[in-house]
Amino acid sequence: MHLNARIFVAGHRGLVGSAIVRRLQAEGYDNLLLAGRDTLDLRDRESVEAFFAAHKPEYVFLAAAKVGGIHANETYPAEFLLQNLQIQNNVIDAAYRHGASKLTFLGSSCIYPKLAPQPLKEEYLLTGPLEPTNEWYAIAKIAGIKLCQAYRRQYGFNAISLMPTNLYGPGDNFDLANSHVLPALIRKFHEAKLNGNQQVVMWGTGTPRREFLHVDDLADACVQLTRTYEGEEIINVGVGEDISIRELAELVKEITGYQGEIVNDTSKPDGTPRKLLDVSRLHALGWQATISLSDGVEQTYRWFVDNQAQVRAA
């Protein structure tokens, strides 16, 4: 991937896309094709076709997606399934037909069965039922994986699929109505501290375990694997360690300086009991995460505090 290659980062304003842009720019890539939703609606086939015809990207990072936590997935199942399918189908097909050298598709660890053995190996895909609270998003991502594999088998298109674990970092979504657990906890504890609240309520029992990867680590993995990995098989991208939601809440409480107590709302769903990725295939390819969870949460909290004016927090 030469330094003046035409590189399209789909979803460059989102958490993942913006991190990929930062990484590419830091490494000297200066011919990035960036188009926001206001100028390019990736759900619209004609718009995507016109963009690829005009710009002929050589490399494509498909980081655009409709994303959200349990509440958002349960509230908008049709949008999560349909819009993600539209985005994926349009971009993957256009990239192939307009001669892109390579496409990197970003999936999610929620593609794996709810009760699959832990840690989650890549070969566990499609071996059991999905977690109901995010199956709409998961089915769309599985379809994206299979479309990449189908285009590789039928047309020889060089598309790879990476499956990140739970992500966090600068640019995250802190809207309590549709954010993921870590940014939601950061906002809850920060506001509780400012307001002098005696309690912070967190969903569920706190017992589920999750793995968290800083988005800058993911971006580094994406760039490295785009340069070096040529296989059809999906690759898990994570740290290989997890933490309970309760332990995560305690960590966020400490970093934000909140002094009150944590109360569990057990009427709310827990989601998947555990979701830890097996990253042995990733390590064998020569990549490992470098940002610790405590350092990453502290950095993310500082970013949240410093960017209150433009932070995504309705």
C-alpha atoms as a PDB file:
ATOM      1  CA  MET A   1       0.000   0.000   0.000  1.00  0.00           C
ATOM      2  CA  HIS A   2       2.120   2.865  -1.322  1.00  0.00           C
ATOM      3  CA  LEU A   3       1.995   6.215   0.461  1.00  0.00           C
ATOM      4  CA  ASN A   4       0.122   8.048  -2.302  1.00  0.00           C
ATOM      5  CA  ALA A   5      -2.444   5.275  -2.836  1.00  0.00           C
ATOM      6  CA  ARG A   6      -6.054   6.427  -3.135  1.00  0.00           C
ATOM      7  CA  ILE A   7      -7.591   5.169   0.119  1.00  0.00           C
ATOM      8  CA  PHE A   8     -11.303   5.426   0.884  1.00  0.00           C
ATOM      9  CA  VAL A   9     -12.197   5.242   4.576  1.00  0.00           C
ATOM     10  CA  ALA A  10     -15.951   4.640   4.666  1.00  0.00           C
ATOM     11  CA  GLY A  11     -17.339   6.024   7.902  1.00  0.00           C
ATOM     12  CA  HIS A  12     -14.388   8.337   8.562  1.00  0.00           C
ATOM     13  CA  ARG A  13     -16.296  10.435  11.110  1.00  0.00           C
ATOM     14  CA  GLY A  14     -17.177   7.474  13.319  1.00  0.00           C
ATOM     15  CA  LEU A  15     -15.211   5.956  16.171  1.00  0.00           C
ATOM     16  CA  VAL A  16     -13.382   3.383  14.036  1.00  0.00           C
ATOM     17  CA  GLY A  17     -13.119   5.348  10.809  1.00  0.00           C
ATOM     18  CA  SER A  18     -11.644   8.427  12.474  1.00  0.00           C
ATOM     19  CA  ALA A  19      -9.039   6.269  14.220  1.00  0.00           C
ATOM     20  CA  ILE A  20      -8.070   4.647  10.906  1.00  0.00           C
ATOM     21  CA  VAL A  21      -7.692   8.110   9.359  1.00  0.00           C
ATOM     22  CA  ARG A  22      -5.449   9.197  12.260  1.00  0.00           C
ATOM     23  CA  ARG A  23      -3.291   6.104  11.846  1.00  0.00           C
ATOM     24  CA  LEU A  24      -2.976   6.458   8.076  1.00  0.00           C
ATOM     25  CA  GLN A  25      -2.082  10.127   8.325  1.00  0.00           C
ATOM     26  CA  ALA A  26       0.474   9.428  11.048  1.00  0.00           C
ATOM     27  CA  GLU A  27       2.172   6.938   8.736  1.00  0.00           C
ATOM     28  CA  GLY A  28       2.341   9.383   5.845  1.00  0.00           C
ATOM     29  CA  TYR A  29      -0.658   8.406   3.707  1.00  0.00           C
ATOM     30  CA  ASP A  30      -1.842  11.699   2.233  1.00  0.00           C
ATOM     31  CA  ASN A  31      -4.277  10.719  -0.527  1.00  0.00           C
ATOM     32  CA  LEU A  32      -7.290   9.837   1.608  1.00  0.00           C
ATOM     33  CA  LEU A  33     -10.780   9.904   0.096  1.00  0.00           C
ATOM     34  CA  LEU A  34     -13.161  11.121   2.775  1.00  0.00           C
ATOM     35  CA  ALA A  35     -16.866  11.753   2.228  1.00  0.00           C
ATOM     36  CA  GLY A  36     -19.354  12.381   5.017  1.00  0.00           C
ATOM     37  CA  ARG A  37     -22.992  11.327   5.100  1.00  0.00           C
ATOM     38  CA  ASP A  38     -24.005  14.794   3.908  1.00  0.00           C
ATOM     39  CA  THR A  39     -22.233  14.240   0.567  1.00  0.00           C
ATOM     40  CA  LEU A  40     -22.282  10.434   0.230  1.00  0.00           C
ATOM     41  CA  ASP A  41     -25.102   8.255   1.549  1.00  0.00           C
ATOM     42  CA  LEU A  42     -23.628   4.758   1.582  1.00  0.00           C
ATOM     43  CA  ARG A  43     -27.129   3.282   1.795  1.00  0.00           C
ATOM     44  CA  ASP A  44     -27.888   4.685  -1.657  1.00  0.00           C
ATOM     45  CA  ARG A  45     -26.544   2.485  -4.436  1.00  0.00           C
ATOM     46  CA  GLU A  46     -26.486   5.214  -7.089  1.00  0.00           C
ATOM     47  CA  SER A  47     -24.532   7.580  -4.846  1.00  0.00           C
ATOM     48  CA  VAL A  48     -21.946   4.915  -4.019  1.00  0.00           C
ATOM     49  CA  GLU A  49     -21.650   3.968  -7.685  1.00  0.00           C
ATOM     50  CA  ALA A  50     -21.032   7.587  -8.688  1.00  0.00           C
ATOM     51  CA  PHE A  51     -18.412   8.056  -5.957  1.00  0.00           C
ATOM     52  CA  PHE A  52     -16.419   4.973  -6.946  1.00  0.00           C
ATOM     53  CA  ALA A  53     -16.663   5.800 -10.653  1.00  0.00           C
ATOM     54  CA  ALA A  54     -15.303   9.289 -10.011  1.00  0.00           C
ATOM     55  CA  HIS A  55     -12.546   8.509  -7.511  1.00  0.00           C
ATOM     56  CA  LYS A  56     -11.480   4.883  -8.212  1.00  0.00           C
ATOM     57  CA  PRO A  57     -10.212   4.055  -4.700  1.00  0.00           C
ATOM     58  CA  GLU A  58      -7.328   1.579  -4.643  1.00  0.00           C
ATOM     59  CA  TYR A  59      -7.898   0.561  -1.023  1.00  0.00           C
ATOM     60  CA  VAL A  60     -11.141   0.601   0.963  1.00  0.00           C
ATOM     61  CA  PHE A  61     -11.613   0.431   4.727  1.00  0.00           C
ATOM     62  CA  LEU A  62     -15.283  -0.365   5.315  1.00  0.00           C
ATOM     63  CA  ALA A  63     -15.791   1.049   8.814  1.00  0.00           C
ATOM     64  CA  ALA A  64     -19.212   2.604   8.181  1.00  0.00           C
ATOM     65  CA  ALA A  65     -22.125   1.001  10.021  1.00  0.00           C
ATOM     66  CA  LYS A  66     -25.249   1.712  12.013  1.00  0.00           C
ATOM     67  CA  VAL A  67     -24.147   0.819  15.544  1.00  0.00           C
ATOM     68  CA  GLY A  68     -25.470   0.986  19.091  1.00  0.00           C
ATOM     69  CA  GLY A  69     -25.940  -0.866  22.351  1.00  0.00           C
ATOM     70  CA  ILE A  70     -28.619  -3.236  23.616  1.00  0.00           C
ATOM     71  CA  HIS A  71     -31.331  -0.583  23.882  1.00  0.00           C
ATOM     72  CA  ALA A  72     -30.764   0.703  20.344  1.00  0.00           C
ATOM     73  CA  ASN A  73     -30.704  -2.804  18.858  1.00  0.00           C
ATOM     74  CA  GLU A  74     -33.953  -3.748  20.576  1.00  0.00           C
ATOM     75  CA  THR A  75     -35.660  -0.492  19.570  1.00  0.00           C
ATOM     76  CA  TYR A  76     -34.607  -0.317  15.901  1.00  0.00           C
ATOM     77  CA  PRO A  77     -34.124  -3.918  14.653  1.00  0.00           C
ATOM     78  CA  ALA A  78     -35.261  -3.131  11.088  1.00  0.00           C
ATOM     79  CA  GLU A  79     -32.829  -0.232  10.718  1.00  0.00           C
ATOM     80  CA  PHE A  80     -29.930  -2.214  12.168  1.00  0.00           C
ATOM     81  CA  LEU A  81     -30.466  -5.056   9.714  1.00  0.00           C
ATOM     82  CA  LEU A  82     -31.479  -3.180   6.573  1.00  0.00           C
ATOM     83  CA  GLN A  83     -29.122  -0.197   6.718  1.00  0.00           C
ATOM     84  CA  ASN A  84     -26.050  -2.276   7.467  1.00  0.00           C
ATOM     85  CA  LEU A  85     -26.884  -4.634   4.609  1.00  0.00           C
ATOM     86  CA  GLN A  86     -27.321  -1.669   2.274  1.00  0.00           C
ATOM     87  CA  ILE A  87     -23.998  -0.100   3.243  1.00  0.00           C
ATOM     88  CA  GLN A  88     -22.051  -3.347   2.935  1.00  0.00           C
ATOM     89  CA  ASN A  89     -23.592  -4.522  -0.306  1.00  0.00           C
ATOM     90  CA  ASN A  90     -23.111  -1.171  -2.017  1.00  0.00           C
ATOM     91  CA  VAL A  91     -19.509  -0.590  -0.961  1.00  0.00           C
ATOM     92  CA  ILE A  92     -18.192  -4.139  -1.443  1.00  0.00           C
ATOM     93  CA  ASP A  93     -19.777  -4.470  -4.878  1.00  0.00           C
ATOM     94  CA  ALA A  94     -18.632  -1.032  -6.055  1.00  0.00           C
ATOM     95  CA  ALA A  95     -15.096  -1.617  -4.781  1.00  0.00           C
ATOM     96  CA  TYR A  96     -14.841  -4.812  -6.795  1.00  0.00           C
ATOM     97  CA  ARG A  97     -16.388  -3.452  -9.979  1.00  0.00           C
ATOM     98  CA  HIS A  98     -14.265  -0.294  -9.969  1.00  0.00           C
ATOM     99  CA  GLY A  99     -10.984  -2.125  -9.542  1.00  0.00           C
ATOM    100  CA  ALA A 100     -10.012  -1.636  -5.908  1.00  0.00           C
ATOM    101  CA  SER A 101      -6.862  -3.579  -5.022  1.00  0.00           C
ATOM    102  CA  LYS A 102      -8.127  -4.497  -1.564  1.00  0.00           C
ATOM    103  CA  LEU A 103     -11.052  -4.029   0.789  1.00  0.00           C
ATOM    104  CA  THR A 104     -10.909  -4.411   4.566  1.00  0.00           C
ATOM    105  CA  PHE A 105     -14.306  -5.156   6.104  1.00  0.00           C
ATOM    106  CA  LEU A 106     -14.876  -4.467   9.793  1.00  0.00           C
ATOM    107  CA  GLY A 107     -17.275  -6.825  11.521  1.00  0.00           C
ATOM    108  CA  SER A 108     -17.936  -7.387  15.213  1.00  0.00           C
ATOM    109  CA  SER A 109     -17.457 -10.015  17.890  1.00  0.00           C
ATOM    110  CA  CYS A 110     -21.258 -10.229  18.228  1.00  0.00           C
ATOM    111  CA  ILE A 111     -21.265 -12.470  15.128  1.00  0.00           C
ATOM    112  CA  TYR A 112     -20.512 -15.470  17.337  1.00  0.00           C
ATOM    113  CA  PRO A 113     -23.165 -17.686  18.966  1.00  0.00           C
ATOM    114  CA  LYS A 114     -24.429 -16.543  22.369  1.00  0.00           C
ATOM    115  CA  LEU A 115     -23.274 -19.687  24.162  1.00  0.00           C
ATOM    116  CA  ALA A 116     -20.168 -20.535  22.113  1.00  0.00           C
ATOM    117  CA  PRO A 117     -17.161 -21.825  24.062  1.00  0.00           C
ATOM    118  CA  GLN A 118     -14.824 -19.177  25.428  1.00  0.00           C
ATOM    119  CA  PRO A 119     -12.557 -17.726  24.213  1.00  0.00           C
ATOM    120  CA  LEU A 120     -14.239 -17.300  20.839  1.00  0.00           C
ATOM    121  CA  LYS A 121     -12.370 -18.874  17.954  1.00  0.00           C
ATOM    122  CA  GLU A 122     -12.973 -17.800  14.366  1.00  0.00           C
ATOM    123  CA  GLU A 123     -14.265 -21.254  13.462  1.00  0.00           C
ATOM    124  CA  TYR A 124     -17.208 -20.883  15.884  1.00  0.00           C
ATOM    125  CA  LEU A 125     -19.022 -18.665  13.383  1.00  0.00           C
ATOM    126  CA  LEU A 126     -22.478 -20.055  12.490  1.00  0.00           C
ATOM    127  CA  THR A 127     -22.326 -22.903  14.996  1.00  0.00           C
ATOM    128  CA  GLY A 128     -25.272 -21.828  17.175  1.00  0.00           C
ATOM    129  CA  PRO A 129     -27.985 -19.238  17.902  1.00  0.00           C
ATOM    130  CA  LEU A 130     -27.017 -15.593  18.280  1.00  0.00           C
ATOM    131  CA  GLU A 131     -27.554 -13.310  21.283  1.00  0.00           C
ATOM    132  CA  PRO A 132     -31.154 -12.032  20.775  1.00  0.00           C
ATOM    133  CA  THR A 133     -30.387  -8.482  21.940  1.00  0.00           C
ATOM    134  CA  ASN A 134     -28.096  -7.790  18.988  1.00  0.00           C
ATOM    135  CA  GLU A 135     -28.932 -10.447  16.421  1.00  0.00           C
ATOM    136  CA  TRP A 136     -30.078  -7.930  13.797  1.00  0.00           C
ATOM    137  CA  TYR A 137     -26.701  -6.234  13.704  1.00  0.00           C
ATOM    138  CA  ALA A 138     -24.897  -9.576  13.931  1.00  0.00           C
ATOM    139  CA  ILE A 139     -26.789 -11.079  10.987  1.00  0.00           C
ATOM    140  CA  ALA A 140     -25.907  -8.065   8.858  1.00  0.00           C
ATOM    141  CA  LYS A 141     -22.228  -8.396   9.758  1.00  0.00           C
ATOM    142  CA  ILE A 142     -22.246 -12.125   9.025  1.00  0.00           C
ATOM    143  CA  ALA A 143     -23.735 -11.336   5.628  1.00  0.00           C
ATOM    144  CA  GLY A 144     -20.894  -8.857   5.052  1.00  0.00           C
ATOM    145  CA  ILE A 145     -18.301 -11.511   5.869  1.00  0.00           C
ATOM    146  CA  LYS A 146     -19.926 -13.973   3.498  1.00  0.00           C
ATOM    147  CA  LEU A 147     -20.181 -11.376   0.729  1.00  0.00           C
ATOM    148  CA  CYS A 148     -16.453 -10.691   1.013  1.00  0.00           C
ATOM    149  CA  GLN A 149     -15.742 -14.417   0.868  1.00  0.00           C
ATOM    150  CA  ALA A 150     -18.115 -14.903  -2.068  1.00  0.00           C
ATOM    151  CA  TYR A 151     -16.508 -12.098  -4.090  1.00  0.00           C
ATOM    152  CA  ARG A 152     -13.081 -13.565  -3.351  1.00  0.00           C
ATOM    153  CA  ARG A 153     -14.127 -17.064  -4.460  1.00  0.00           C
ATOM    154  CA  GLN A 154     -16.113 -16.042  -7.528  1.00  0.00           C
ATOM    155  CA  TYR A 155     -14.183 -12.998  -8.728  1.00  0.00           C
ATOM    156  CA  GLY A 156     -10.804 -13.183  -6.994  1.00  0.00           C
ATOM    157  CA  PHE A 157     -11.500  -9.905  -5.183  1.00  0.00           C
ATOM    158  CA  ASN A 158      -8.993  -9.295  -2.387  1.00  0.00           C
ATOM    159  CA  ALA A 159     -11.368  -8.624   0.528  1.00  0.00           C
ATOM    160  CA  ILE A 160     -10.421  -9.420   4.116  1.00  0.00           C
ATOM    161  CA  SER A 161     -12.676  -9.420   7.197  1.00  0.00           C
ATOM    162  CA  LEU A 162     -11.572  -8.359  10.673  1.00  0.00           C
ATOM    163  CA  MET A 163     -13.709  -8.953  13.782  1.00  0.00           C
ATOM    164  CA  PRO A 164     -12.998  -6.403  16.525  1.00  0.00           C
ATOM    165  CA  THR A 165     -14.032  -6.907  20.108  1.00  0.00           C
ATOM    166  CA  ASN A 166     -15.791  -4.135  22.093  1.00  0.00           C
ATOM    167  CA  LEU A 167     -14.218  -0.806  21.176  1.00  0.00           C
ATOM    168  CA  TYR A 168     -13.809   2.511  22.942  1.00  0.00           C
ATOM    169  CA  GLY A 169     -11.757   5.684  22.672  1.00  0.00           C
ATOM    170  CA  PRO A 170     -11.767   9.296  21.426  1.00  0.00           C
ATOM    171  CA  GLY A 171     -14.814  10.086  19.306  1.00  0.00           C
ATOM    172  CA  ASP A 172     -17.031   7.493  20.958  1.00  0.00           C
ATOM    173  CA  ASN A 173     -20.807   7.886  21.272  1.00  0.00           C
ATOM    174  CA  PHE A 174     -21.781   9.021  24.780  1.00  0.00           C
ATOM    175  CA  ASP A 175     -25.551   9.239  24.175  1.00  0.00           C
ATOM    176  CA  LEU A 176     -27.155   7.203  26.962  1.00  0.00           C
ATOM    177  CA  ALA A 177     -30.004   6.144  24.668  1.00  0.00           C
ATOM    178  CA  ASN A 178     -27.832   4.266  22.175  1.00  0.00           C
ATOM    179  CA  SER A 179     -24.224   4.103  23.345  1.00  0.00           C
ATOM    180  CA  HIS A 180     -22.206   1.067  24.380  1.00  0.00           C
ATOM    181  CA  VAL A 181     -21.455   0.245  27.997  1.00  0.00           C
ATOM    182  CA  LEU A 182     -18.064   1.914  28.480  1.00  0.00           C
ATOM    183  CA  PRO A 183     -18.867   5.411  27.137  1.00  0.00           C
ATOM    184  CA  ALA A 184     -22.243   5.227  28.910  1.00  0.00           C
ATOM    185  CA  LEU A 185     -20.503   4.534  32.227  1.00  0.00           C
ATOM    186  CA  ILE A 186     -18.023   7.367  31.654  1.00  0.00           C
ATOM    187  CA  ARG A 187     -20.840   9.826  31.091  1.00  0.00           C
ATOM    188  CA  LYS A 188     -22.953   8.511  33.991  1.00  0.00           C
ATOM    189  CA  PHE A 189     -20.132   8.744  36.536  1.00  0.00           C
ATOM    190  CA  HIS A 190     -18.945  12.131  35.265  1.00  0.00           C
ATOM    191  CA  GLU A 191     -22.411  13.677  35.490  1.00  0.00           C
ATOM    192  CA  ALA A 192     -23.101  12.035  38.850  1.00  0.00           C
ATOM    193  CA  LYS A 193     -19.896  13.591  40.187  1.00  0.00           C
ATOM    194  CA  LEU A 194     -20.824  17.038  38.858  1.00  0.00           C
ATOM    195  CA  ASN A 195     -24.393  16.813  40.203  1.00  0.00           C
ATOM    196  CA  GLY A 196     -23.431  15.368  43.583  1.00  0.00           C
ATOM    197  CA  ASN A 197     -25.566  12.255  43.060  1.00  0.00           C
ATOM    198  CA  GLN A 198     -25.261   9.610  45.776  1.00  0.00           C
ATOM    199  CA  GLN A 199     -25.856   6.687  43.406  1.00  0.00           C
ATOM    200  CA  VAL A 200     -25.108   5.608  39.852  1.00  0.00           C
ATOM    201  CA  VAL A 201     -27.462   2.992  38.408  1.00  0.00           C
ATOM    202  CA  MET A 202     -26.014   0.482  35.944  1.00  0.00           C
ATOM    203  CA  TRP A 203     -27.957  -1.996  33.857  1.00  0.00           C
ATOM    204  CA  GLY A 204     -28.038  -5.679  34.735  1.00  0.00           C
ATOM    205  CA  THR A 205     -26.241  -7.722  37.354  1.00  0.00           C
ATOM    206  CA  GLY A 206     -22.713  -6.601  36.515  1.00  0.00           C
ATOM    207  CA  THR A 207     -21.566 -10.206  36.136  1.00  0.00           C
ATOM    208  CA  PRO A 208     -21.188 -10.465  32.322  1.00  0.00           C
ATOM    209  CA  ARG A 209     -17.588 -10.270  31.180  1.00  0.00           C
ATOM    210  CA  ARG A 210     -16.393  -8.180  28.257  1.00  0.00           C
ATOM    211  CA  GLU A 211     -13.161  -7.504  26.413  1.00  0.00           C
ATOM    212  CA  PHE A 212     -12.299  -3.907  25.482  1.00  0.00           C
ATOM    213  CA  LEU A 213      -9.914  -2.754  22.753  1.00  0.00           C
ATOM    214  CA  HIS A 214      -8.819   0.852  22.343  1.00  0.00           C
ATOM    215  CA  VAL A 215      -9.823   2.075  18.896  1.00  0.00           C
ATOM    216  CA  ASP A 216      -6.292   3.332  18.163  1.00  0.00           C
ATOM    217  CA  ASP A 217      -5.036  -0.222  18.649  1.00  0.00           C
ATOM    218  CA  LEU A 218      -7.707  -1.456  16.244  1.00  0.00           C
ATOM    219  CA  ALA A 219      -6.680   1.143  13.662  1.00  0.00           C
ATOM    220  CA  ASP A 220      -3.065   0.001  13.912  1.00  0.00           C
ATOM    221  CA  ALA A 221      -4.162  -3.612  13.372  1.00  0.00           C
ATOM    222  CA  CYS A 222      -6.330  -2.620  10.393  1.00  0.00           C
ATOM    223  CA  VAL A 223      -3.481  -0.866   8.615  1.00  0.00           C
ATOM    224  CA  GLN A 224      -0.978  -3.641   9.334  1.00  0.00           C
ATOM    225  CA  LEU A 225      -3.312  -6.449   8.244  1.00  0.00           C
ATOM    226  CA  THR A 226      -4.367  -4.556   5.128  1.00  0.00           C
ATOM    227  CA  ARG A 227      -0.695  -4.482   4.181  1.00  0.00           C
ATOM    228  CA  THR A 228       0.103  -8.086   5.059  1.00  0.00           C
ATOM    229  CA  TYR A 229      -2.943 -10.395   5.318  1.00  0.00           C
ATOM    230  CA  GLU A 230      -4.390 -12.019   2.206  1.00  0.00           C
ATOM    231  CA  GLY A 231      -6.650 -14.770   3.539  1.00  0.00           C
ATOM    232  CA  GLU A 232     -10.356 -15.558   3.241  1.00  0.00           C
ATOM    233  CA  GLU A 233     -10.664 -16.545   6.897  1.00  0.00           C
ATOM    234  CA  ILE A 234     -11.900 -13.929   9.342  1.00  0.00           C
ATOM    235  CA  ILE A 235      -9.429 -12.573  11.915  1.00  0.00           C
ATOM    236  CA  ASN A 236     -10.371 -11.707  15.492  1.00  0.00           C
ATOM    237  CA  VAL A 237      -8.917  -8.397  16.692  1.00  0.00           C
ATOM    238  CA  GLY A 238      -8.804  -8.020  20.462  1.00  0.00           C
ATOM    239  CA  VAL A 239      -6.584  -8.110  23.519  1.00  0.00           C
ATOM    240  CA  GLY A 240      -7.324 -11.656  24.737  1.00  0.00           C
ATOM    241  CA  GLU A 241      -8.349 -10.519  28.252  1.00  0.00           C
ATOM    242  CA  ASP A 242     -11.744  -9.585  29.707  1.00  0.00           C
ATOM    243  CA  ILE A 243     -13.266  -7.877  32.743  1.00  0.00           C
ATOM    244  CA  SER A 244     -16.679  -8.023  34.429  1.00  0.00           C
ATOM    245  CA  ILE A 245     -19.037  -5.093  33.909  1.00  0.00           C
ATOM    246  CA  ARG A 246     -18.966  -4.485  37.656  1.00  0.00           C
ATOM    247  CA  GLU A 247     -15.167  -4.331  37.636  1.00  0.00           C
ATOM    248  CA  LEU A 248     -15.340  -1.986  34.662  1.00  0.00           C
ATOM    249  CA  ALA A 249     -17.745   0.272  36.545  1.00  0.00           C
ATOM    250  CA  GLU A 250     -15.389   0.364  39.520  1.00  0.00           C
ATOM    251  CA  LEU A 251     -12.512   1.322  37.213  1.00  0.00           C
ATOM    252  CA  VAL A 252     -14.514   4.135  35.614  1.00  0.00           C
ATOM    253  CA  LYS A 253     -15.654   5.307  39.058  1.00  0.00           C
ATOM    254  CA  GLU A 254     -12.032   5.548  40.194  1.00  0.00           C
ATOM    255  CA  ILE A 255     -10.818   7.347  37.048  1.00  0.00           C
ATOM    256  CA  THR A 256     -13.667   9.884  37.083  1.00  0.00           C
ATOM    257  CA  GLY A 257     -13.288  10.535  40.794  1.00  0.00           C
ATOM    258  CA  TYR A 258     -16.907   9.736  41.654  1.00  0.00           C
ATOM    259  CA  GLN A 259     -17.444   9.158  45.397  1.00  0.00           C
ATOM    260  CA  GLY A 260     -20.961   7.634  45.541  1.00  0.00           C
ATOM    261  CA  GLU A 261     -22.171   4.030  45.278  1.00  0.00           C
ATOM    262  CA  ILE A 262     -23.000   1.789  42.334  1.00  0.00           C
ATOM    263  CA  VAL A 263     -26.522   0.277  42.222  1.00  0.00           C
ATOM    264  CA  ASN A 264     -27.558  -2.510  39.855  1.00  0.00           C
ATOM    265  CA  ASP A 265     -30.882  -2.408  37.991  1.00  0.00           C
ATOM    266  CA  THR A 266     -31.437  -6.148  37.583  1.00  0.00           C
ATOM    267  CA  SER A 267     -34.661  -5.573  35.622  1.00  0.00           C
ATOM    268  CA  LYS A 268     -32.464  -4.619  32.670  1.00  0.00           C
ATOM    269  CA  PRO A 269     -30.903  -7.290  30.405  1.00  0.00           C
ATOM    270  CA  ASP A 270     -27.324  -8.458  30.779  1.00  0.00           C
ATOM    271  CA  GLY A 271     -26.771  -9.517  27.190  1.00  0.00           C
ATOM    272  CA  THR A 272     -24.270 -12.252  26.371  1.00  0.00           C
ATOM    273  CA  PRO A 273     -22.771 -13.801  29.553  1.00  0.00           C
ATOM    274  CA  ARG A 274     -19.217 -13.596  28.235  1.00  0.00           C
ATOM    275  CA  LYS A 275     -17.549 -12.442  25.047  1.00  0.00           C
ATOM    276  CA  LEU A 276     -13.788 -12.970  24.896  1.00  0.00           C
ATOM    277  CA  LEU A 277     -11.982 -13.371  21.610  1.00  0.00           C
ATOM    278  CA  ASP A 278      -9.320 -15.953  20.913  1.00  0.00           C
ATOM    279  CA  VAL A 279      -6.572 -13.839  19.351  1.00  0.00           C
ATOM    280  CA  SER A 280      -4.009 -16.570  18.697  1.00  0.00           C
ATOM    281  CA  ARG A 281      -4.466 -16.229  14.921  1.00  0.00           C
ATOM    282  CA  LEU A 282      -3.897 -12.463  15.205  1.00  0.00           C
ATOM    283  CA  HIS A 283      -0.783 -12.927  17.333  1.00  0.00           C
ATOM    284  CA  ALA A 284       0.561 -15.467  14.850  1.00  0.00           C
ATOM    285  CA  LEU A 285       0.272 -12.753  12.186  1.00  0.00           C
ATOM    286  CA  GLY A 286       2.572 -10.549  14.274  1.00  0.00           C
ATOM    287  CA  TRP A 287       0.193  -8.068  15.934  1.00  0.00           C
ATOM    288  CA  GLN A 288      -0.714  -7.463  19.594  1.00  0.00           C
ATOM    289  CA  ALA A 289      -2.564  -4.669  21.393  1.00  0.00           C
ATOM    290  CA  THR A 290      -0.415  -2.174  23.315  1.00  0.00           C
ATOM    291  CA  ILE A 291      -2.844   0.172  25.162  1.00  0.00           C
ATOM    292  CA  SER A 292      -3.887  -1.046  28.628  1.00  0.00           C
ATOM    293  CA  LEU A 293      -7.527  -0.710  29.684  1.00  0.00           C
ATOM    294  CA  SER A 294      -6.753   1.653  32.561  1.00  0.00           C
ATOM    295  CA  ASP A 295      -4.622   3.914  30.364  1.00  0.00           C
ATOM    296  CA  GLY A 296      -7.183   3.816  27.590  1.00  0.00           C
ATOM    297  CA  VAL A 297     -10.147   4.642  29.851  1.00  0.00           C
ATOM    298  CA  GLU A 298      -8.214   7.515  31.433  1.00  0.00           C
ATOM    299  CA  GLN A 299      -7.353   8.896  27.980  1.00  0.00           C
ATOM    300  CA  THR A 300     -10.968   8.514  26.811  1.00  0.00           C
ATOM    301  CA  TYR A 301     -12.296  10.257  29.918  1.00  0.00           C
ATOM    302  CA  ARG A 302      -9.918  13.184  29.352  1.00  0.00           C
ATOM    303  CA  TRP A 303     -11.098  13.401  25.745  1.00  0.00           C
ATOM    304  CA  PHE A 304     -14.749  13.375  26.875  1.00  0.00           C
ATOM    305  CA  VAL A 305     -14.159  16.181  29.373  1.00  0.00           C
ATOM    306  CA  ASP A 306     -12.142  18.270  26.897  1.00  0.00           C
ATOM    307  CA  ASN A 307     -14.656  17.913  24.068  1.00  0.00           C
ATOM    308  CA  GLN A 308     -17.982  18.601  25.746  1.00  0.00           C
ATOM    309  CA  ALA A 309     -18.982  21.072  23.048  1.00  0.00           C
ATOM    310  CA  GLN A 310     -18.892  18.578  20.177  1.00  0.00           C
ATOM    311  CA  VAL A 311     -19.081  15.221  21.982  1.00  0.00           C
ATOM    312  CA  ARG A 312     -21.795  12.897  20.726  1.00  0.00           C
ATOM    313  CA  ALA A 313     -23.946  12.905  23.858  1.00  0.00           C
ATOM    314  CA  ALA A 314     -27.587  13.909  23.432  1.00  0.00           C
END
